[in-house]
Full PDB file with SEQRES, HELIX, SHEET, SSBOND, CRYST1, ORIGX, SCALE, CONECT and MASTER records, all heavy atoms in Angstrom:
SEQRES   1 A   39  LYS LEU SER SER GLY LEU SER ILE SER THR ARG LEU GLU          
SEQRES   2 A   39  ASP LEU MET PRO ALA SER ALA ARG SER VAL GLN SER LEU          
SEQRES   3 A   39  ASN ALA VAL LEU GLU LYS SER GLY SER PHE ALA SER ILE          
HELIX    1 AA1 SER A    3  GLY A    5  5                                   3    
HELIX    2 AA2 LEU A   12  LEU A   15  5                                   4    
HELIX    3 AA3 ARG A   21  SER A   33  1                                  13    
CRYST1    1.000    1.000    1.000  90.00  90.00  90.00 P 1           1          
ORIGX1      1.000000  0.000000  0.000000        0.00000                         
ORIGX2      0.000000  1.000000  0.000000        0.00000                         
ORIGX3      0.000000  0.000000  1.000000        0.00000                         
SCALE1      1.000000  0.000000  0.000000        0.00000                         
SCALE2      0.000000  1.000000  0.000000        0.00000                         
SCALE3      0.000000  0.000000  1.000000        0.00000                         
ATOM      1  N   LYS A   1       5.462  -0.295  45.442  1.00  0.00           N  
ATOM      2  CA  LYS A   1       6.260   0.743  44.660  1.00  0.00           C  
ATOM      3  C   LYS A   1       6.673   0.221  43.285  1.00  0.00           C  
ATOM      4  O   LYS A   1       6.446   0.927  42.277  1.00  0.00           O  
ATOM      5  CB  LYS A   1       7.433   1.199  45.453  1.00  0.00           C  
ATOM      6  CG  LYS A   1       8.213   2.294  44.856  1.00  0.00           C  
ATOM      7  CD  LYS A   1       7.465   3.557  44.900  1.00  0.00           C  
ATOM      8  CE  LYS A   1       8.338   4.683  44.336  1.00  0.00           C  
ATOM      9  NZ  LYS A   1       7.612   5.844  43.997  1.00  0.00           N  
ATOM     10  N   LEU A   2       7.159  -0.968  43.241  1.00  0.00           N  
ATOM     11  CA  LEU A   2       7.573  -1.554  41.943  1.00  0.00           C  
ATOM     12  C   LEU A   2       6.410  -1.861  41.043  1.00  0.00           C  
ATOM     13  O   LEU A   2       6.500  -1.738  39.816  1.00  0.00           O  
ATOM     14  CB  LEU A   2       8.392  -2.868  42.215  1.00  0.00           C  
ATOM     15  CG  LEU A   2       9.766  -2.586  42.838  1.00  0.00           C  
ATOM     16  CD1 LEU A   2      10.443  -3.986  43.198  1.00  0.00           C  
ATOM     17  CD2 LEU A   2      10.654  -1.804  41.836  1.00  0.00           C  
ATOM     18  N   SER A   3       5.232  -2.316  41.618  1.00  0.00           N  
ATOM     19  CA  SER A   3       4.086  -2.624  40.742  1.00  0.00           C  
ATOM     20  C   SER A   3       3.351  -1.370  40.277  1.00  0.00           C  
ATOM     21  O   SER A   3       2.459  -1.458  39.429  1.00  0.00           O  
ATOM     22  CB  SER A   3       3.182  -3.542  41.518  1.00  0.00           C  
ATOM     23  OG  SER A   3       2.539  -2.923  42.579  1.00  0.00           O  
ATOM     24  N   SER A   4       3.596  -0.209  40.932  1.00  0.00           N  
ATOM     25  CA  SER A   4       2.837   1.009  40.510  1.00  0.00           C  
ATOM     26  C   SER A   4       3.172   1.407  39.042  1.00  0.00           C  
ATOM     27  O   SER A   4       2.347   1.995  38.403  1.00  0.00           O  
ATOM     28  CB  SER A   4       3.178   2.147  41.474  1.00  0.00           C  
ATOM     29  OG  SER A   4       4.522   2.546  41.344  1.00  0.00           O  
ATOM     30  N   GLY A   5       4.300   1.096  38.587  1.00  0.00           N  
ATOM     31  CA  GLY A   5       4.698   1.425  37.134  1.00  0.00           C  
ATOM     32  C   GLY A   5       4.375   0.301  36.210  1.00  0.00           C  
ATOM     33  O   GLY A   5       4.834   0.336  35.055  1.00  0.00           O  
ATOM     34  N   LEU A   6       3.683  -0.657  36.624  1.00  0.00           N  
ATOM     35  CA  LEU A   6       3.376  -1.855  35.814  1.00  0.00           C  
ATOM     36  C   LEU A   6       2.446  -1.466  34.643  1.00  0.00           C  
ATOM     37  O   LEU A   6       1.421  -0.765  34.836  1.00  0.00           O  
ATOM     38  CB  LEU A   6       2.672  -2.875  36.699  1.00  0.00           C  
ATOM     39  CG  LEU A   6       2.252  -4.243  36.017  1.00  0.00           C  
ATOM     40  CD1 LEU A   6       3.523  -5.002  35.656  1.00  0.00           C  
ATOM     41  CD2 LEU A   6       1.422  -4.997  37.008  1.00  0.00           C  
ATOM     42  N   SER A   7       2.782  -1.811  33.455  1.00  0.00           N  
ATOM     43  CA  SER A   7       1.938  -1.678  32.271  1.00  0.00           C  
ATOM     44  C   SER A   7       1.734  -3.087  31.599  1.00  0.00           C  
ATOM     45  O   SER A   7       2.590  -3.914  31.603  1.00  0.00           O  
ATOM     46  CB  SER A   7       2.486  -0.693  31.281  1.00  0.00           C  
ATOM     47  OG  SER A   7       3.543  -1.218  30.562  1.00  0.00           O  
ATOM     48  N   ILE A   8       0.493  -3.205  31.200  1.00  0.00           N  
ATOM     49  CA  ILE A   8       0.104  -4.567  30.630  1.00  0.00           C  
ATOM     50  C   ILE A   8      -0.363  -4.349  29.216  1.00  0.00           C  
ATOM     51  O   ILE A   8      -1.166  -3.490  28.916  1.00  0.00           O  
ATOM     52  CB  ILE A   8      -0.979  -5.191  31.481  1.00  0.00           C  
ATOM     53  CG1 ILE A   8      -0.506  -5.401  32.907  1.00  0.00           C  
ATOM     54  CG2 ILE A   8      -1.493  -6.417  30.904  1.00  0.00           C  
ATOM     55  CD1 ILE A   8      -1.534  -5.786  33.901  1.00  0.00           C  
ATOM     56  N   SER A   9       0.177  -5.167  28.342  1.00  0.00           N  
ATOM     57  CA  SER A   9      -0.227  -5.124  26.903  1.00  0.00           C  
ATOM     58  C   SER A   9      -1.344  -6.146  26.672  1.00  0.00           C  
ATOM     59  O   SER A   9      -1.297  -7.228  27.189  1.00  0.00           O  
ATOM     60  CB  SER A   9       0.953  -5.486  26.003  1.00  0.00           C  
ATOM     61  OG  SER A   9       0.534  -5.575  24.681  1.00  0.00           O  
ATOM     62  N   THR A  10      -2.396  -5.689  25.975  1.00  0.00           N  
ATOM     63  CA  THR A  10      -3.486  -6.598  25.679  1.00  0.00           C  
ATOM     64  C   THR A  10      -3.268  -7.272  24.296  1.00  0.00           C  
ATOM     65  O   THR A  10      -4.102  -7.953  23.802  1.00  0.00           O  
ATOM     66  CB  THR A  10      -4.790  -5.811  25.618  1.00  0.00           C  
ATOM     67  OG1 THR A  10      -4.667  -4.762  24.699  1.00  0.00           O  
ATOM     68  CG2 THR A  10      -5.147  -5.252  27.033  1.00  0.00           C  
ATOM     69  N   ARG A  11      -2.117  -7.013  23.675  1.00  0.00           N  
ATOM     70  CA  ARG A  11      -1.823  -7.716  22.383  1.00  0.00           C  
ATOM     71  C   ARG A  11      -1.187  -9.037  22.613  1.00  0.00           C  
ATOM     72  O   ARG A  11      -0.039  -9.101  23.065  1.00  0.00           O  
ATOM     73  CB  ARG A  11      -0.903  -6.784  21.532  1.00  0.00           C  
ATOM     74  CG  ARG A  11      -1.557  -5.453  21.215  1.00  0.00           C  
ATOM     75  CD  ARG A  11      -0.597  -4.514  20.490  1.00  0.00           C  
ATOM     76  NE  ARG A  11       0.220  -5.247  19.471  1.00  0.00           N  
ATOM     77  CZ  ARG A  11       0.190  -4.883  18.209  1.00  0.00           C  
ATOM     78  NH1 ARG A  11      -0.526  -3.880  17.797  1.00  0.00           N  
ATOM     79  NH2 ARG A  11       0.908  -5.585  17.338  1.00  0.00           N  
ATOM     80  N   LEU A  12      -1.833 -10.106  22.280  1.00  0.00           N  
ATOM     81  CA  LEU A  12      -1.289 -11.427  22.539  1.00  0.00           C  
ATOM     82  C   LEU A  12      -0.090 -11.755  21.713  1.00  0.00           C  
ATOM     83  O   LEU A  12       0.812 -12.438  22.252  1.00  0.00           O  
ATOM     84  CB  LEU A  12      -2.382 -12.500  22.141  1.00  0.00           C  
ATOM     85  CG  LEU A  12      -3.557 -12.550  23.133  1.00  0.00           C  
ATOM     86  CD1 LEU A  12      -4.596 -13.566  22.615  1.00  0.00           C  
ATOM     87  CD2 LEU A  12      -3.134 -12.827  24.488  1.00  0.00           C  
ATOM     88  N   GLU A  13       0.090 -11.139  20.525  1.00  0.00           N  
ATOM     89  CA  GLU A  13       1.257 -11.398  19.720  1.00  0.00           C  
ATOM     90  C   GLU A  13       2.497 -10.872  20.288  1.00  0.00           C  
ATOM     91  O   GLU A  13       3.600 -11.299  20.021  1.00  0.00           O  
ATOM     92  CB  GLU A  13       1.080 -10.894  18.262  1.00  0.00           C  
ATOM     93  CG  GLU A  13       0.914  -9.487  18.134  1.00  0.00           C  
ATOM     94  CD  GLU A  13      -0.533  -8.982  18.152  1.00  0.00           C  
ATOM     95  OE1 GLU A  13      -1.456  -9.762  18.637  1.00  0.00           O  
ATOM     96  OE2 GLU A  13      -0.785  -7.879  17.798  1.00  0.00           O  
ATOM     97  N   ASP A  14       2.372  -9.905  21.246  1.00  0.00           N  
ATOM     98  CA  ASP A  14       3.543  -9.344  21.928  1.00  0.00           C  
ATOM     99  C   ASP A  14       4.150 -10.344  22.950  1.00  0.00           C  
ATOM    100  O   ASP A  14       5.274 -10.250  23.357  1.00  0.00           O  
ATOM    101  CB  ASP A  14       3.181  -8.084  22.797  1.00  0.00           C  
ATOM    102  CG  ASP A  14       2.924  -6.890  21.763  1.00  0.00           C  
ATOM    103  OD1 ASP A  14       3.275  -7.009  20.565  1.00  0.00           O  
ATOM    104  OD2 ASP A  14       2.314  -5.864  22.257  1.00  0.00           O  
ATOM    105  N   LEU A  15       3.302 -11.314  23.326  1.00  0.00           N  
ATOM    106  CA  LEU A  15       3.799 -12.335  24.292  1.00  0.00           C  
ATOM    107  C   LEU A  15       4.555 -13.460  23.641  1.00  0.00           C  
ATOM    108  O   LEU A  15       5.179 -14.275  24.333  1.00  0.00           O  
ATOM    109  CB  LEU A  15       2.604 -12.933  25.001  1.00  0.00           C  
ATOM    110  CG  LEU A  15       1.776 -11.889  25.811  1.00  0.00           C  
ATOM    111  CD1 LEU A  15       0.512 -12.597  26.416  1.00  0.00           C  
ATOM    112  CD2 LEU A  15       2.570 -11.263  26.887  1.00  0.00           C  
ATOM    113  N   MET A  16       4.517 -13.534  22.294  1.00  0.00           N  
ATOM    114  CA  MET A  16       5.162 -14.648  21.567  1.00  0.00           C  
ATOM    115  C   MET A  16       6.346 -14.097  20.793  1.00  0.00           C  
ATOM    116  O   MET A  16       6.308 -12.930  20.397  1.00  0.00           O  
ATOM    117  CB  MET A  16       4.113 -15.284  20.658  1.00  0.00           C  
ATOM    118  CG  MET A  16       2.947 -15.948  21.407  1.00  0.00           C  
ATOM    119  SD  MET A  16       1.588 -16.471  20.493  1.00  0.00           S  
ATOM    120  CE  MET A  16       2.371 -17.389  19.066  1.00  0.00           C  
ATOM    121  N   PRO A  17       7.298 -14.904  20.583  1.00  0.00           N  
ATOM    122  CA  PRO A  17       8.487 -14.445  19.797  1.00  0.00           C  
ATOM    123  C   PRO A  17       8.153 -14.181  18.398  1.00  0.00           C  
ATOM    124  O   PRO A  17       7.301 -14.871  17.755  1.00  0.00           O  
ATOM    125  CB  PRO A  17       9.514 -15.637  19.943  1.00  0.00           C  
ATOM    126  CG  PRO A  17       8.650 -16.780  20.261  1.00  0.00           C  
ATOM    127  CD  PRO A  17       7.508 -16.248  20.988  1.00  0.00           C  
ATOM    128  N   ALA A  18       8.768 -13.165  17.758  1.00  0.00           N  
ATOM    129  CA  ALA A  18       8.488 -12.775  16.375  1.00  0.00           C  
ATOM    130  C   ALA A  18       8.833 -13.853  15.408  1.00  0.00           C  
ATOM    131  O   ALA A  18       8.315 -13.902  14.300  1.00  0.00           O  
ATOM    132  CB  ALA A  18       9.321 -11.480  16.068  1.00  0.00           C  
ATOM    133  N   SER A  19       9.717 -14.754  15.780  1.00  0.00           N  
ATOM    134  CA  SER A  19      10.078 -15.884  14.894  1.00  0.00           C  
ATOM    135  C   SER A  19       9.032 -16.996  14.934  1.00  0.00           C  
ATOM    136  O   SER A  19       9.126 -17.900  14.075  1.00  0.00           O  
ATOM    137  CB  SER A  19      11.433 -16.454  15.285  1.00  0.00           C  
ATOM    138  OG  SER A  19      11.331 -16.904  16.677  1.00  0.00           O  
ATOM    139  N   ALA A  20       8.092 -16.956  15.760  1.00  0.00           N  
ATOM    140  CA  ALA A  20       7.070 -18.034  15.817  1.00  0.00           C  
ATOM    141  C   ALA A  20       6.203 -18.029  14.497  1.00  0.00           C  
ATOM    142  O   ALA A  20       5.852 -16.935  14.030  1.00  0.00           O  
ATOM    143  CB  ALA A  20       6.176 -17.946  17.028  1.00  0.00           C  
ATOM    144  N   ARG A  21       5.928 -19.239  14.012  1.00  0.00           N  
ATOM    145  CA  ARG A  21       5.189 -19.319  12.734  1.00  0.00           C  
ATOM    146  C   ARG A  21       3.884 -18.622  12.817  1.00  0.00           C  
ATOM    147  O   ARG A  21       3.392 -17.899  11.865  1.00  0.00           O  
ATOM    148  CB  ARG A  21       5.118 -20.713  12.305  1.00  0.00           C  
ATOM    149  CG  ARG A  21       4.420 -20.914  10.929  1.00  0.00           C  
ATOM    150  CD  ARG A  21       4.637 -22.328  10.445  1.00  0.00           C  
ATOM    151  NE  ARG A  21       4.155 -22.330   9.023  1.00  0.00           N  
ATOM    152  CZ  ARG A  21       3.139 -23.020   8.643  1.00  0.00           C  
ATOM    153  NH1 ARG A  21       2.506 -23.777   9.472  1.00  0.00           N  
ATOM    154  NH2 ARG A  21       2.832 -23.021   7.338  1.00  0.00           N  
ATOM    155  N   SER A  22       3.142 -18.815  13.897  1.00  0.00           N  
ATOM    156  CA  SER A  22       1.808 -18.189  14.070  1.00  0.00           C  
ATOM    157  C   SER A  22       1.881 -16.648  14.053  1.00  0.00           C  
ATOM    158  O   SER A  22       1.016 -16.017  13.501  1.00  0.00           O  
ATOM    159  CB  SER A  22       1.076 -18.720  15.297  1.00  0.00           C  
ATOM    160  OG  SER A  22       1.846 -18.473  16.440  1.00  0.00           O  
ATOM    161  N   VAL A  23       2.908 -16.117  14.625  1.00  0.00           N  
ATOM    162  CA  VAL A  23       3.053 -14.653  14.719  1.00  0.00           C  
ATOM    163  C   VAL A  23       3.404 -14.143  13.299  1.00  0.00           C  
ATOM    164  O   VAL A  23       2.849 -13.108  12.852  1.00  0.00           O  
ATOM    165  CB  VAL A  23       4.165 -14.209  15.722  1.00  0.00           C  
ATOM    166  CG1 VAL A  23       4.488 -12.810  15.596  1.00  0.00           C  
ATOM    167  CG2 VAL A  23       3.812 -14.587  17.124  1.00  0.00           C  
ATOM    168  N   GLN A  24       4.221 -14.866  12.580  1.00  0.00           N  
ATOM    169  CA  GLN A  24       4.587 -14.458  11.174  1.00  0.00           C  
ATOM    170  C   GLN A  24       3.311 -14.544  10.288  1.00  0.00           C  
ATOM    171  O   GLN A  24       3.081 -13.608   9.555  1.00  0.00           O  
ATOM    172  CB  GLN A  24       5.668 -15.344  10.660  1.00  0.00           C  
ATOM    173  CG  GLN A  24       7.025 -15.184  11.282  1.00  0.00           C  
ATOM    174  CD  GLN A  24       8.035 -16.125  10.859  1.00  0.00           C  
ATOM    175  OE1 GLN A  24       7.787 -17.111  10.221  1.00  0.00           O  
ATOM    176  NE2 GLN A  24       9.294 -15.778  11.192  1.00  0.00           N  
ATOM    177  N   SER A  25       2.490 -15.527  10.437  1.00  0.00           N  
ATOM    178  CA  SER A  25       1.272 -15.671   9.692  1.00  0.00           C  
ATOM    179  C   SER A  25       0.298 -14.479  10.018  1.00  0.00           C  
ATOM    180  O   SER A  25      -0.297 -13.916   9.153  1.00  0.00           O  
ATOM    181  CB  SER A  25       0.567 -16.948  10.002  1.00  0.00           C  
ATOM    182  OG  SER A  25       1.391 -18.023   9.615  1.00  0.00           O  
ATOM    183  N   LEU A  26       0.130 -14.227  11.323  1.00  0.00           N  
ATOM    184  CA  LEU A  26      -0.656 -13.139  11.752  1.00  0.00           C  
ATOM    185  C   LEU A  26      -0.195 -11.743  11.169  1.00  0.00           C  
ATOM    186  O   LEU A  26      -1.013 -11.053  10.665  1.00  0.00           O  
ATOM    187  CB  LEU A  26      -0.684 -13.032  13.302  1.00  0.00           C  
ATOM    188  CG  LEU A  26      -1.496 -11.879  13.868  1.00  0.00           C  
ATOM    189  CD1 LEU A  26      -2.969 -11.984  13.515  1.00  0.00           C  
ATOM    190  CD2 LEU A  26      -1.369 -11.881  15.407  1.00  0.00           C  
ATOM    191  N   ASN A  27       1.084 -11.567  11.218  1.00  0.00           N  
ATOM    192  CA  ASN A  27       1.609 -10.312  10.677  1.00  0.00           C  
ATOM    193  C   ASN A  27       1.413 -10.238   9.155  1.00  0.00           C  
ATOM    194  O   ASN A  27       1.164  -9.114   8.641  1.00  0.00           O  
ATOM    195  CB  ASN A  27       3.162 -10.201  10.970  1.00  0.00           C  
ATOM    196  CG  ASN A  27       3.388  -9.896  12.413  1.00  0.00           C  
ATOM    197  OD1 ASN A  27       2.494  -9.363  13.158  1.00  0.00           O  
ATOM    198  ND2 ASN A  27       4.511 -10.262  12.955  1.00  0.00           N  
ATOM    199  N   ALA A  28       1.507 -11.342   8.494  1.00  0.00           N  
ATOM    200  CA  ALA A  28       1.271 -11.357   7.043  1.00  0.00           C  
ATOM    201  C   ALA A  28      -0.158 -11.004   6.748  1.00  0.00           C  
ATOM    202  O   ALA A  28      -0.502 -10.239   5.855  1.00  0.00           O  
ATOM    203  CB  ALA A  28       1.671 -12.691   6.406  1.00  0.00           C  
ATOM    204  N   VAL A  29      -1.123 -11.574   7.509  1.00  0.00           N  
ATOM    205  CA  VAL A  29      -2.542 -11.271   7.357  1.00  0.00           C  
ATOM    206  C   VAL A  29      -2.789  -9.754   7.662  1.00  0.00           C  
ATOM    207  O   VAL A  29      -3.513  -9.058   6.914  1.00  0.00           O  
ATOM    208  CB  VAL A  29      -3.411 -12.130   8.271  1.00  0.00           C  
ATOM    209  CG1 VAL A  29      -4.824 -11.661   8.311  1.00  0.00           C  
ATOM    210  CG2 VAL A  29      -3.355 -13.539   7.766  1.00  0.00           C  
ATOM    211  N   LEU A  30      -2.263  -9.330   8.748  1.00  0.00           N  
ATOM    212  CA  LEU A  30      -2.411  -7.829   9.079  1.00  0.00           C  
ATOM    213  C   LEU A  30      -1.821  -6.953   8.054  1.00  0.00           C  
ATOM    214  O   LEU A  30      -2.430  -5.905   7.771  1.00  0.00           O  
ATOM    215  CB  LEU A  30      -1.716  -7.561  10.479  1.00  0.00           C  
ATOM    216  CG  LEU A  30      -2.443  -8.311  11.682  1.00  0.00           C  
ATOM    217  CD1 LEU A  30      -1.587  -8.022  12.967  1.00  0.00           C  
ATOM    218  CD2 LEU A  30      -3.816  -7.752  11.841  1.00  0.00           C  
ATOM    219  N   GLU A  31      -0.758  -7.315   7.395  1.00  0.00           N  
ATOM    220  CA  GLU A  31      -0.123  -6.507   6.397  1.00  0.00           C  
ATOM    221  C   GLU A  31      -1.056  -6.408   5.142  1.00  0.00           C  
ATOM    222  O   GLU A  31      -1.197  -5.389   4.559  1.00  0.00           O  
ATOM    223  CB  GLU A  31       1.216  -7.063   5.977  1.00  0.00           C  
ATOM    224  CG  GLU A  31       2.033  -6.211   5.116  1.00  0.00           C  
ATOM    225  CD  GLU A  31       3.379  -6.753   4.756  1.00  0.00           C  
ATOM    226  OE1 GLU A  31       4.044  -7.198   5.740  1.00  0.00           O  
ATOM    227  OE2 GLU A  31       3.750  -6.785   3.610  1.00  0.00           O  
ATOM    228  N   LYS A  32      -1.647  -7.551   4.784  1.00  0.00           N  
ATOM    229  CA  LYS A  32      -2.497  -7.588   3.603  1.00  0.00           C  
ATOM    230  C   LYS A  32      -3.914  -7.025   3.880  1.00  0.00           C  
ATOM    231  O   LYS A  32      -4.445  -6.324   2.999  1.00  0.00           O  
ATOM    232  CB  LYS A  32      -2.638  -9.079   3.123  1.00  0.00           C  
ATOM    233  CG  LYS A  32      -1.418  -9.556   2.448  1.00  0.00           C  
ATOM    234  CD  LYS A  32      -1.620 -10.876   1.954  1.00  0.00           C  
ATOM    235  CE  LYS A  32      -0.313 -11.437   1.288  1.00  0.00           C  
ATOM    236  NZ  LYS A  32      -0.540 -12.717   0.662  1.00  0.00           N  
ATOM    237  N   SER A  33      -4.482  -7.317   4.989  1.00  0.00           N  
ATOM    238  CA  SER A  33      -5.854  -6.928   5.224  1.00  0.00           C  
ATOM    239  C   SER A  33      -6.126  -5.831   6.213  1.00  0.00           C  
ATOM    240  O   SER A  33      -7.124  -5.246   6.242  1.00  0.00           O  
ATOM    241  CB  SER A  33      -6.609  -8.217   5.699  1.00  0.00           C  
ATOM    242  OG  SER A  33      -6.187  -8.578   7.008  1.00  0.00           O  
ATOM    243  N   GLY A  34      -5.056  -5.534   7.039  1.00  0.00           N  
ATOM    244  CA  GLY A  34      -5.260  -4.522   8.053  1.00  0.00           C  
ATOM    245  C   GLY A  34      -5.873  -5.015   9.328  1.00  0.00           C  
ATOM    246  O   GLY A  34      -5.914  -4.367  10.287  1.00  0.00           O  
ATOM    247  N   SER A  35      -6.330  -6.287   9.313  1.00  0.00           N  
ATOM    248  CA  SER A  35      -6.930  -6.844  10.519  1.00  0.00           C  
ATOM    249  C   SER A  35      -6.947  -8.334  10.509  1.00  0.00           C  
ATOM    250  O   SER A  35      -6.632  -8.922   9.441  1.00  0.00           O  
ATOM    251  CB  SER A  35      -8.355  -6.352  10.740  1.00  0.00           C  
ATOM    252  OG  SER A  35      -9.190  -6.908   9.764  1.00  0.00           O  
ATOM    253  N   PHE A  36      -7.243  -8.969  11.595  1.00  0.00           N  
ATOM    254  CA  PHE A  36      -7.297 -10.442  11.687  1.00  0.00           C  
ATOM    255  C   PHE A  36      -8.709 -10.784  12.184  1.00  0.00           C  
ATOM    256  O   PHE A  36      -9.134 -10.300  13.236  1.00  0.00           O  
ATOM    257  CB  PHE A  36      -6.189 -10.973  12.612  1.00  0.00           C  
ATOM    258  CG  PHE A  36      -6.291 -12.444  12.794  1.00  0.00           C  
ATOM    259  CD1 PHE A  36      -5.739 -13.280  11.832  1.00  0.00           C  
ATOM    260  CD2 PHE A  36      -6.807 -12.979  13.900  1.00  0.00           C  
ATOM    261  CE1 PHE A  36      -5.791 -14.641  12.024  1.00  0.00           C  
ATOM    262  CE2 PHE A  36      -6.851 -14.386  14.078  1.00  0.00           C  
ATOM    263  CZ  PHE A  36      -6.341 -15.146  13.095  1.00  0.00           C  
ATOM    264  N   ALA A  37      -9.403 -11.556  11.383  1.00  0.00           N  
ATOM    265  CA  ALA A  37     -10.787 -11.824  11.793  1.00  0.00           C  
ATOM    266  C   ALA A  37     -11.224 -13.199  11.342  1.00  0.00           C  
ATOM    267  O   ALA A  37     -10.597 -13.762  10.407  1.00  0.00           O  
ATOM    268  CB  ALA A  37     -11.702 -10.713  11.293  1.00  0.00           C  
ATOM    269  N   SER A  38     -12.282 -13.645  11.924  1.00  0.00           N  
ATOM    270  CA  SER A  38     -12.969 -14.832  11.483  1.00  0.00           C  
ATOM    271  C   SER A  38     -14.274 -14.328  10.819  1.00  0.00           C  
ATOM    272  O   SER A  38     -14.869 -13.424  11.318  1.00  0.00           O  
ATOM    273  CB  SER A  38     -13.342 -15.666  12.688  1.00  0.00           C  
ATOM    274  OG  SER A  38     -14.171 -16.724  12.306  1.00  0.00           O  
ATOM    275  N   ILE A  39     -14.557 -14.908   9.721  1.00  0.00           N  
ATOM    276  CA  ILE A  39     -15.748 -14.490   8.929  1.00  0.00           C  
ATOM    277  C   ILE A  39     -16.646 -15.670   8.709  1.00  0.00           C  
ATOM    278  O   ILE A  39     -16.260 -16.772   8.433  1.00  0.00           O  
ATOM    279  CB  ILE A  39     -15.254 -13.968   7.546  1.00  0.00           C  
ATOM    280  CG1 ILE A  39     -14.292 -12.791   7.699  1.00  0.00           C  
ATOM    281  CG2 ILE A  39     -16.498 -13.550   6.641  1.00  0.00           C  
ATOM    282  CD1 ILE A  39     -13.736 -12.391   6.382  1.00  0.00           C  
TER     283      ILE A  39                                                      
MASTER        0    0    0    3    0    0    0    6  282    1    0    3          
END                                                                             
């Protein structure tokens, strides 16, 4: 019954604290470019 309402996020940055340096870097990239990618 308790697991029936379980929702899972596929966004890895949601698993890390917003104060983490890597999350801040990712958010800065997303703000400037709209996405995060390897080229």
